[in-house]
Amino acid sequence: MIKIALVDDHTLFRNGLKGLLSANPHYSVVGDFSDGSQLIAALPQLDVDVVLMDISMPNMDGKTATILALQQRPELCIVALTMFGEEQYLRQMVDAGVVGFIHKDSDIKTVFEAIDTVTGGGKYLPEIQSAEELDDPDMLTERETAVLTCICKGLSTPQIAEQLNISKRTVDAHRARILEKTGCNNTASLVVHAVTKLKILS
């Protein structure tokens, strides 16, 4: 059982996410808070594995709360909840110690995927490049390469999502990022690029 705490100042969003998570028998929501200061106050007595943390909140924002929470509990997995327009804060949140990001308009399967990834020791950072990628913006990540390989095999978006155990929205996001990195305009040119330049399927 993965124990989860929610930190978000929007009550409707927080309660909705709590209901969806509670319906999954693998998860238990052990606390929900409207700002970072409430989490920090409760943390010494809170048995929790994962914190889903909003970035912009009154009283104490997500970055400050992340830093303070990890000072108390370095083993915590903190995943940031982001909205479009907050991309400029992502690197700051990584520096603060978060191990994942979830856009608030993501489907619940993406949320499950993120939680399972970080509790398994991985990172879920689809919206931000690793330091290696920043040095070489054209480099594809391991997941992007897997998606591209599936595209080259002629798999549809639902088939790729099922094979890689990710959401269709995540597949579409990876496809858009791959097109941007490779400079291709469509799937046909992408397949040609993958086979001739990247040696996919060769």
C-alpha atoms as a PDB file:
ATOM      1  CA  MET A   1       0.000   0.000   0.000  1.00  0.00           C
ATOM      2  CA  ILE A   2       1.473   3.343  -1.101  1.00  0.00           C
ATOM      3  CA  LYS A   3       0.606   6.152   1.317  1.00  0.00           C
ATOM      4  CA  ILE A   4      -0.017   9.530  -0.337  1.00  0.00           C
ATOM      5  CA  ALA A   5      -0.488  13.110   0.861  1.00  0.00           C
ATOM      6  CA  LEU A   6      -2.036  15.855  -1.307  1.00  0.00           C
ATOM      7  CA  VAL A   7      -1.038  19.508  -1.025  1.00  0.00           C
ATOM      8  CA  ASP A   8      -3.100  21.917  -3.148  1.00  0.00           C
ATOM      9  CA  ASP A   9      -5.044  25.087  -2.384  1.00  0.00           C
ATOM     10  CA  HIS A  10      -7.910  24.248  -4.770  1.00  0.00           C
ATOM     11  CA  THR A  11     -10.369  22.255  -2.674  1.00  0.00           C
ATOM     12  CA  LEU A  12     -12.391  20.881  -5.578  1.00  0.00           C
ATOM     13  CA  PHE A  13      -9.296  19.616  -7.400  1.00  0.00           C
ATOM     14  CA  ARG A  14      -7.827  18.166  -4.219  1.00  0.00           C
ATOM     15  CA  ASN A  15     -11.016  16.331  -3.273  1.00  0.00           C
ATOM     16  CA  GLY A  16     -11.473  15.011  -6.800  1.00  0.00           C
ATOM     17  CA  LEU A  17      -7.942  13.644  -6.945  1.00  0.00           C
ATOM     18  CA  LYS A  18      -8.340  12.183  -3.462  1.00  0.00           C
ATOM     19  CA  GLY A  19     -11.426  10.282  -4.585  1.00  0.00           C
ATOM     20  CA  LEU A  20      -9.728   8.871  -7.663  1.00  0.00           C
ATOM     21  CA  LEU A  21      -6.655   7.781  -5.713  1.00  0.00           C
ATOM     22  CA  SER A  22      -8.716   6.261  -2.897  1.00  0.00           C
ATOM     23  CA  ALA A  23     -10.581   4.121  -5.435  1.00  0.00           C
ATOM     24  CA  ASN A  24      -7.299   2.362  -6.263  1.00  0.00           C
ATOM     25  CA  PRO A  25      -6.670  -0.476  -3.770  1.00  0.00           C
ATOM     26  CA  HIS A  26      -2.898   0.049  -4.042  1.00  0.00           C
ATOM     27  CA  TYR A  27      -3.046   3.598  -2.665  1.00  0.00           C
ATOM     28  CA  SER A  28      -4.088   5.200   0.597  1.00  0.00           C
ATOM     29  CA  VAL A  29      -4.522   8.975   0.936  1.00  0.00           C
ATOM     30  CA  VAL A  30      -3.274   9.714   4.454  1.00  0.00           C
ATOM     31  CA  GLY A  31      -3.588  13.493   4.380  1.00  0.00           C
ATOM     32  CA  ASP A  32      -4.665  16.464   2.304  1.00  0.00           C
ATOM     33  CA  PHE A  33      -3.584  20.037   2.893  1.00  0.00           C
ATOM     34  CA  SER A  34      -4.375  23.437   1.377  1.00  0.00           C
ATOM     35  CA  ASP A  35      -0.823  24.823   1.589  1.00  0.00           C
ATOM     36  CA  GLY A  36       2.742  23.800   2.284  1.00  0.00           C
ATOM     37  CA  SER A  37       2.821  25.036   5.870  1.00  0.00           C
ATOM     38  CA  GLN A  38       0.042  22.618   6.850  1.00  0.00           C
ATOM     39  CA  LEU A  39       2.030  19.704   5.445  1.00  0.00           C
ATOM     40  CA  ILE A  40       5.206  20.738   7.263  1.00  0.00           C
ATOM     41  CA  ALA A  41       3.301  21.020  10.565  1.00  0.00           C
ATOM     42  CA  ALA A  42       1.746  17.572  10.132  1.00  0.00           C
ATOM     43  CA  LEU A  43       4.791  15.781   8.734  1.00  0.00           C
ATOM     44  CA  PRO A  44       6.414  14.622  12.005  1.00  0.00           C
ATOM     45  CA  GLN A  45       3.326  12.498  12.761  1.00  0.00           C
ATOM     46  CA  LEU A  46       2.454  11.600   9.150  1.00  0.00           C
ATOM     47  CA  ASP A  47       3.223   8.127   7.783  1.00  0.00           C
ATOM     48  CA  VAL A  48       3.541   8.964   4.071  1.00  0.00           C
ATOM     49  CA  ASP A  49       5.517   7.735   1.058  1.00  0.00           C
ATOM     50  CA  VAL A  50       4.549  10.184  -1.707  1.00  0.00           C
ATOM     51  CA  VAL A  51       3.548  13.847  -1.607  1.00  0.00           C
ATOM     52  CA  LEU A  52       1.706  15.367  -4.572  1.00  0.00           C
ATOM     53  CA  MET A  53       2.677  19.033  -4.259  1.00  0.00           C
ATOM     54  CA  ASP A  54       1.124  22.054  -5.936  1.00  0.00           C
ATOM     55  CA  ILE A  55       3.653  24.702  -6.989  1.00  0.00           C
ATOM     56  CA  SER A  56       1.723  27.949  -6.465  1.00  0.00           C
ATOM     57  CA  MET A  57      -0.007  28.179  -3.072  1.00  0.00           C
ATOM     58  CA  PRO A  58      -0.642  30.880  -0.452  1.00  0.00           C
ATOM     59  CA  ASN A  59       1.255  30.987   2.853  1.00  0.00           C
ATOM     60  CA  MET A  60       3.944  28.548   1.685  1.00  0.00           C
ATOM     61  CA  ASP A  61       4.615  27.638  -1.939  1.00  0.00           C
ATOM     62  CA  GLY A  62       5.570  24.231  -3.290  1.00  0.00           C
ATOM     63  CA  LYS A  63       9.277  24.957  -3.620  1.00  0.00           C
ATOM     64  CA  THR A  64       9.679  26.056   0.000  1.00  0.00           C
ATOM     65  CA  ALA A  65       7.505  23.205   1.271  1.00  0.00           C
ATOM     66  CA  THR A  66       9.540  20.682  -0.730  1.00  0.00           C
ATOM     67  CA  ILE A  67      12.831  21.911   0.702  1.00  0.00           C
ATOM     68  CA  LEU A  68      11.520  21.869   4.290  1.00  0.00           C
ATOM     69  CA  ALA A  69       9.791  18.502   3.893  1.00  0.00           C
ATOM     70  CA  LEU A  70      12.940  16.831   2.568  1.00  0.00           C
ATOM     71  CA  GLN A  71      14.971  18.313   5.397  1.00  0.00           C
ATOM     72  CA  GLN A  72      12.675  16.425   7.790  1.00  0.00           C
ATOM     73  CA  ARG A  73      12.161  13.329   5.650  1.00  0.00           C
ATOM     74  CA  PRO A  74      14.846  12.875   2.971  1.00  0.00           C
ATOM     75  CA  GLU A  75      13.276   9.586   1.853  1.00  0.00           C
ATOM     76  CA  LEU A  76      10.017  11.243   0.731  1.00  0.00           C
ATOM     77  CA  CYS A  77       9.042  11.084  -2.940  1.00  0.00           C
ATOM     78  CA  ILE A  78       7.659  14.507  -3.835  1.00  0.00           C
ATOM     79  CA  VAL A  79       5.862  14.963  -7.153  1.00  0.00           C
ATOM     80  CA  ALA A  80       4.947  18.477  -8.298  1.00  0.00           C
ATOM     81  CA  LEU A  81       1.469  19.266  -9.626  1.00  0.00           C
ATOM     82  CA  THR A  82       1.848  21.761 -12.457  1.00  0.00           C
ATOM     83  CA  MET A  83      -0.317  23.931 -14.666  1.00  0.00           C
ATOM     84  CA  PHE A  84       0.494  25.177 -18.155  1.00  0.00           C
ATOM     85  CA  GLY A  85       2.515  28.368 -17.840  1.00  0.00           C
ATOM     86  CA  GLU A  86       4.528  27.132 -14.875  1.00  0.00           C
ATOM     87  CA  GLU A  87       7.314  25.564 -16.947  1.00  0.00           C
ATOM     88  CA  GLN A  88       9.752  28.226 -15.743  1.00  0.00           C
ATOM     89  CA  TYR A  89       9.452  26.806 -12.219  1.00  0.00           C
ATOM     90  CA  LEU A  90      10.206  23.212 -13.114  1.00  0.00           C
ATOM     91  CA  ARG A  91      13.985  23.458 -12.843  1.00  0.00           C
ATOM     92  CA  GLN A  92      13.595  25.228  -9.483  1.00  0.00           C
ATOM     93  CA  MET A  93      11.419  22.370  -8.256  1.00  0.00           C
ATOM     94  CA  VAL A  94      13.967  19.792  -9.413  1.00  0.00           C
ATOM     95  CA  ASP A  95      16.681  21.719  -7.575  1.00  0.00           C
ATOM     96  CA  ALA A  96      14.430  21.707  -4.484  1.00  0.00           C
ATOM     97  CA  GLY A  97      14.247  17.922  -4.671  1.00  0.00           C
ATOM     98  CA  VAL A  98      11.084  16.801  -6.479  1.00  0.00           C
ATOM     99  CA  VAL A  99      11.353  13.534  -8.386  1.00  0.00           C
ATOM    100  CA  GLY A 100       8.387  13.963 -10.693  1.00  0.00           C
ATOM    101  CA  PHE A 101       5.876  16.259 -12.384  1.00  0.00           C
ATOM    102  CA  ILE A 102       2.212  15.773 -13.218  1.00  0.00           C
ATOM    103  CA  HIS A 103       0.199  18.286 -15.239  1.00  0.00           C
ATOM    104  CA  LYS A 104      -3.134  18.961 -13.575  1.00  0.00           C
ATOM    105  CA  ASP A 105      -5.008  18.134 -16.767  1.00  0.00           C
ATOM    106  CA  SER A 106      -3.431  14.663 -16.971  1.00  0.00           C
ATOM    107  CA  ASP A 107      -5.655  11.596 -16.845  1.00  0.00           C
ATOM    108  CA  ILE A 108      -5.619   9.436 -13.731  1.00  0.00           C
ATOM    109  CA  LYS A 109      -3.566   6.708 -15.447  1.00  0.00           C
ATOM    110  CA  THR A 110      -0.717   9.225 -15.794  1.00  0.00           C
ATOM    111  CA  VAL A 111      -0.976  10.013 -12.074  1.00  0.00           C
ATOM    112  CA  PHE A 112      -0.778   6.290 -11.260  1.00  0.00           C
ATOM    113  CA  GLU A 113       2.196   5.938 -13.596  1.00  0.00           C
ATOM    114  CA  ALA A 114       4.039   8.797 -11.905  1.00  0.00           C
ATOM    115  CA  ILE A 115       3.386   7.476  -8.397  1.00  0.00           C
ATOM    116  CA  ASP A 116       4.472   3.948  -9.277  1.00  0.00           C
ATOM    117  CA  THR A 117       7.598   5.247 -11.042  1.00  0.00           C
ATOM    118  CA  VAL A 118       8.878   7.363  -8.164  1.00  0.00           C
ATOM    119  CA  THR A 119       8.084   4.803  -5.466  1.00  0.00           C
ATOM    120  CA  GLY A 120       9.994   2.279  -7.556  1.00  0.00           C
ATOM    121  CA  GLY A 121      13.079   4.470  -7.318  1.00  0.00           C
ATOM    122  CA  GLY A 122      12.740   6.247 -10.668  1.00  0.00           C
ATOM    123  CA  LYS A 123      11.955   9.783 -11.726  1.00  0.00           C
ATOM    124  CA  TYR A 124       8.921  10.997 -13.638  1.00  0.00           C
ATOM    125  CA  LEU A 125      10.036  14.165 -15.401  1.00  0.00           C
ATOM    126  CA  PRO A 126       8.276  14.269 -18.803  1.00  0.00           C
ATOM    127  CA  GLU A 127       8.202  18.072 -18.939  1.00  0.00           C
ATOM    128  CA  ILE A 128      11.845  18.751 -18.188  1.00  0.00           C
ATOM    129  CA  GLN A 129      15.106  17.734 -19.797  1.00  0.00           C
ATOM    130  CA  SER A 130      17.855  15.992 -17.935  1.00  0.00           C
ATOM    131  CA  ALA A 131      21.234  17.687 -17.626  1.00  0.00           C
ATOM    132  CA  GLU A 132      22.522  15.441 -20.413  1.00  0.00           C
ATOM    133  CA  GLU A 133      19.670  16.516 -22.693  1.00  0.00           C
ATOM    134  CA  LEU A 134      20.333  20.172 -21.942  1.00  0.00           C
ATOM    135  CA  ASP A 135      23.851  19.669 -23.266  1.00  0.00           C
ATOM    136  CA  ASP A 136      22.443  18.019 -26.399  1.00  0.00           C
ATOM    137  CA  PRO A 137      18.845  19.129 -27.074  1.00  0.00           C
ATOM    138  CA  ASP A 138      18.538  16.721 -30.023  1.00  0.00           C
ATOM    139  CA  MET A 139      19.205  13.649 -27.897  1.00  0.00           C
ATOM    140  CA  LEU A 140      16.183  11.409 -27.415  1.00  0.00           C
ATOM    141  CA  THR A 141      15.421  10.048 -23.970  1.00  0.00           C
ATOM    142  CA  GLU A 142      15.093   6.307 -23.424  1.00  0.00           C
ATOM    143  CA  ARG A 143      11.290   6.594 -23.362  1.00  0.00           C
ATOM    144  CA  GLU A 144      11.242   8.759 -26.510  1.00  0.00           C
ATOM    145  CA  THR A 145      13.386   6.168 -28.298  1.00  0.00           C
ATOM    146  CA  ALA A 146      10.952   3.445 -27.230  1.00  0.00           C
ATOM    147  CA  VAL A 147       8.008   5.480 -28.534  1.00  0.00           C
ATOM    148  CA  LEU A 148       9.825   6.183 -31.805  1.00  0.00           C
ATOM    149  CA  THR A 149      10.606   2.491 -32.261  1.00  0.00           C
ATOM    150  CA  CYS A 150       6.917   1.694 -31.855  1.00  0.00           C
ATOM    151  CA  ILE A 151       6.021   4.402 -34.386  1.00  0.00           C
ATOM    152  CA  CYS A 152       8.458   2.903 -36.877  1.00  0.00           C
ATOM    153  CA  LYS A 153       6.785  -0.485 -36.397  1.00  0.00           C
ATOM    154  CA  GLY A 154       3.484   1.084 -37.434  1.00  0.00           C
ATOM    155  CA  LEU A 155       1.799   0.931 -34.021  1.00  0.00           C
ATOM    156  CA  SER A 156      -1.076   3.324 -33.330  1.00  0.00           C
ATOM    157  CA  THR A 157      -1.163   5.654 -30.331  1.00  0.00           C
ATOM    158  CA  PRO A 158      -3.452   3.306 -28.304  1.00  0.00           C
ATOM    159  CA  GLN A 159      -1.202   0.354 -29.155  1.00  0.00           C
ATOM    160  CA  ILE A 160       1.923   2.255 -28.085  1.00  0.00           C
ATOM    161  CA  ALA A 161       0.223   3.323 -24.846  1.00  0.00           C
ATOM    162  CA  GLU A 162      -0.699  -0.281 -24.063  1.00  0.00           C
ATOM    163  CA  GLN A 163       2.712  -1.703 -24.978  1.00  0.00           C
ATOM    164  CA  LEU A 164       4.670   0.867 -22.940  1.00  0.00           C
ATOM    165  CA  ASN A 165       2.063   1.025 -20.151  1.00  0.00           C
ATOM    166  CA  ILE A 166       1.614   4.792 -20.445  1.00  0.00           C
ATOM    167  CA  SER A 167      -1.377   6.997 -21.257  1.00  0.00           C
ATOM    168  CA  LYS A 168      -2.336   8.027 -24.777  1.00  0.00           C
ATOM    169  CA  ARG A 169      -1.782  11.652 -23.751  1.00  0.00           C
ATOM    170  CA  THR A 170       1.779  10.800 -22.732  1.00  0.00           C
ATOM    171  CA  VAL A 171       2.377   9.072 -26.078  1.00  0.00           C
ATOM    172  CA  ASP A 172       1.148  12.185 -27.909  1.00  0.00           C
ATOM    173  CA  ALA A 173       3.419  14.382 -25.783  1.00  0.00           C
ATOM    174  CA  HIS A 174       6.422  12.182 -26.559  1.00  0.00           C
ATOM    175  CA  ARG A 175       5.540  12.184 -30.274  1.00  0.00           C
ATOM    176  CA  ALA A 176       5.391  16.000 -30.319  1.00  0.00           C
ATOM    177  CA  ARG A 177       8.716  16.239 -28.499  1.00  0.00           C
ATOM    178  CA  ILE A 178      10.343  13.748 -30.913  1.00  0.00           C
ATOM    179  CA  LEU A 179       9.112  15.733 -33.919  1.00  0.00           C
ATOM    180  CA  GLU A 180      10.514  18.911 -32.366  1.00  0.00           C
ATOM    181  CA  LYS A 181      13.896  17.358 -31.605  1.00  0.00           C
ATOM    182  CA  THR A 182      14.299  15.722 -35.011  1.00  0.00           C
ATOM    183  CA  GLY A 183      12.909  18.652 -37.002  1.00  0.00           C
ATOM    184  CA  CYS A 184      10.459  16.361 -38.817  1.00  0.00           C
ATOM    185  CA  ASN A 185       7.031  17.569 -39.914  1.00  0.00           C
ATOM    186  CA  ASN A 186       5.075  14.305 -40.018  1.00  0.00           C
ATOM    187  CA  THR A 187       5.204  10.606 -39.230  1.00  0.00           C
ATOM    188  CA  ALA A 188       6.505   9.592 -42.658  1.00  0.00           C
ATOM    189  CA  SER A 189       9.510  11.906 -42.499  1.00  0.00           C
ATOM    190  CA  LEU A 190      10.046  10.864 -38.882  1.00  0.00           C
ATOM    191  CA  VAL A 191      10.265   7.184 -39.827  1.00  0.00           C
ATOM    192  CA  VAL A 192      12.769   7.981 -42.592  1.00  0.00           C
ATOM    193  CA  HIS A 193      14.845  10.044 -40.152  1.00  0.00           C
ATOM    194  CA  ALA A 194      14.691   7.271 -37.535  1.00  0.00           C
ATOM    195  CA  VAL A 195      15.859   4.572 -39.911  1.00  0.00           C
ATOM    196  CA  THR A 196      18.521   6.545 -41.812  1.00  0.00           C
ATOM    197  CA  LYS A 197      19.909   8.882 -39.157  1.00  0.00           C
ATOM    198  CA  LEU A 198      19.156   7.262 -35.819  1.00  0.00           C
ATOM    199  CA  LYS A 199      19.482   3.666 -37.098  1.00  0.00           C
ATOM    200  CA  ILE A 200      16.190   2.680 -35.446  1.00  0.00           C
ATOM    201  CA  LEU A 201      15.204  -0.859 -36.557  1.00  0.00           C
ATOM    202  CA  SER A 202      18.555  -1.286 -38.334  1.00  0.00           C
END
